[in-house]
């Protein structure tokens, strides 16, 4: 089993009761149901970008699409040898 990190989740009474009943009906621990549900939820979400990455659009093409032009300019300016 992979290493588990313990955390605390506060649930409203209705959700807690439904979770308890579901776990009893399936004869599984509540924690297992929560882990599975969170894993499915996370898979449906867009990946989290590093802080600030993709947050702003300058309107300019990215460096990756302009690399030839930038490389030629650097060579002409003597900054690339």
Protein backbone atom coordinates (compact mmCIF):
# COMPACT_ATOMS: atom_id res chain seq x y z
CA UNK A 1 0.00 0.00 0.00
CA UNK A 2 1.36 3.47 -0.83
CA UNK A 3 2.24 5.87 1.94
CA UNK A 4 -0.86 7.68 3.22
CA UNK A 5 -1.04 11.24 4.51
CA UNK A 6 -3.63 11.82 7.19
CA UNK A 7 -5.94 14.81 6.80
CA UNK A 8 -9.15 16.02 8.36
CA UNK A 9 -12.32 16.75 6.42
CA UNK A 10 -15.36 18.47 7.93
CA UNK A 11 -18.68 17.24 6.52
CA UNK A 12 -22.18 18.44 7.17
CA UNK A 13 -24.34 15.98 9.08
CA UNK A 14 -26.35 14.82 6.08
CA UNK A 15 -23.29 13.97 4.01
CA UNK A 16 -21.59 12.29 6.98
CA UNK A 17 -24.65 10.12 7.59
CA UNK A 18 -24.94 9.12 3.92
CA UNK A 19 -21.22 8.31 3.81
CA UNK A 20 -21.52 6.17 6.94
CA UNK A 21 -24.50 4.25 5.52
CA UNK A 22 -22.77 3.77 2.17
CA UNK A 23 -19.62 2.44 3.85
CA UNK A 24 -21.67 0.04 5.97
CA UNK A 25 -23.67 -1.17 2.96
CA UNK A 26 -20.50 -1.80 0.96
CA UNK A 27 -18.58 -3.10 3.99
CA UNK A 28 -15.75 -0.72 3.24
CA UNK A 29 -14.05 1.99 5.32
CA UNK A 30 -15.31 5.54 4.90
CA UNK A 31 -11.75 6.69 4.21
CA UNK A 32 -11.54 4.33 1.22
CA UNK A 33 -14.73 5.76 -0.27
CA UNK A 34 -13.47 9.31 0.25
CA UNK A 35 -10.07 8.52 -1.34
CA UNK A 36 -11.72 6.95 -4.39
CA UNK A 37 -14.14 9.86 -4.80
CA UNK A 38 -11.37 12.45 -4.53
CA UNK A 39 -9.18 10.58 -7.00
CA UNK A 40 -12.02 10.50 -9.56
CA UNK A 41 -12.75 14.20 -8.98
CA UNK A 42 -9.09 15.21 -9.40
CA UNK A 43 -8.83 13.24 -12.67
CA UNK A 44 -11.67 15.34 -14.15
CA UNK A 45 -10.01 18.67 -13.34
CA UNK A 46 -7.63 20.64 -15.54
CA UNK A 47 -4.00 20.30 -14.51
CA UNK A 48 -2.77 22.92 -12.09
CA UNK A 49 -0.17 25.19 -13.67
CA UNK A 50 2.81 26.50 -11.73
CA UNK A 51 2.17 29.83 -10.02
CA UNK A 52 1.85 32.57 -12.64
CA UNK A 53 2.25 30.23 -15.62
CA UNK A 54 -0.37 30.75 -18.32
CA UNK A 55 -2.02 33.48 -16.28
CA UNK A 56 -1.37 36.34 -18.67
CA UNK A 57 -1.42 36.63 -22.45
CA UNK A 58 0.86 39.23 -23.99
CA UNK A 59 -0.66 38.70 -27.41
CA UNK A 60 2.80 37.82 -28.76
CA UNK A 61 3.64 34.39 -30.14
CA UNK A 62 5.60 32.29 -27.69
CA UNK A 63 9.35 31.91 -27.88
CA UNK A 64 8.90 28.37 -29.12
CA UNK A 65 7.15 29.58 -32.27
CA UNK A 66 9.64 32.39 -32.89
CA UNK A 67 12.84 30.48 -32.08
CA UNK A 68 14.34 30.75 -35.60
CA UNK A 69 13.93 34.53 -35.72
CA UNK A 70 15.35 34.92 -32.21
CA UNK A 71 18.27 32.60 -32.97
CA UNK A 72 19.16 34.49 -36.18
CA UNK A 73 19.04 37.80 -34.30
CA UNK A 74 21.30 36.44 -31.57
CA UNK A 75 23.81 35.11 -34.12
CA UNK A 76 23.89 38.42 -36.00
CA UNK A 77 24.38 40.33 -32.75
CA UNK A 78 27.26 38.05 -31.79
CA UNK A 79 25.42 36.73 -28.75
CA UNK A 80 25.40 33.14 -30.05
CA UNK A 81 28.57 31.36 -31.08
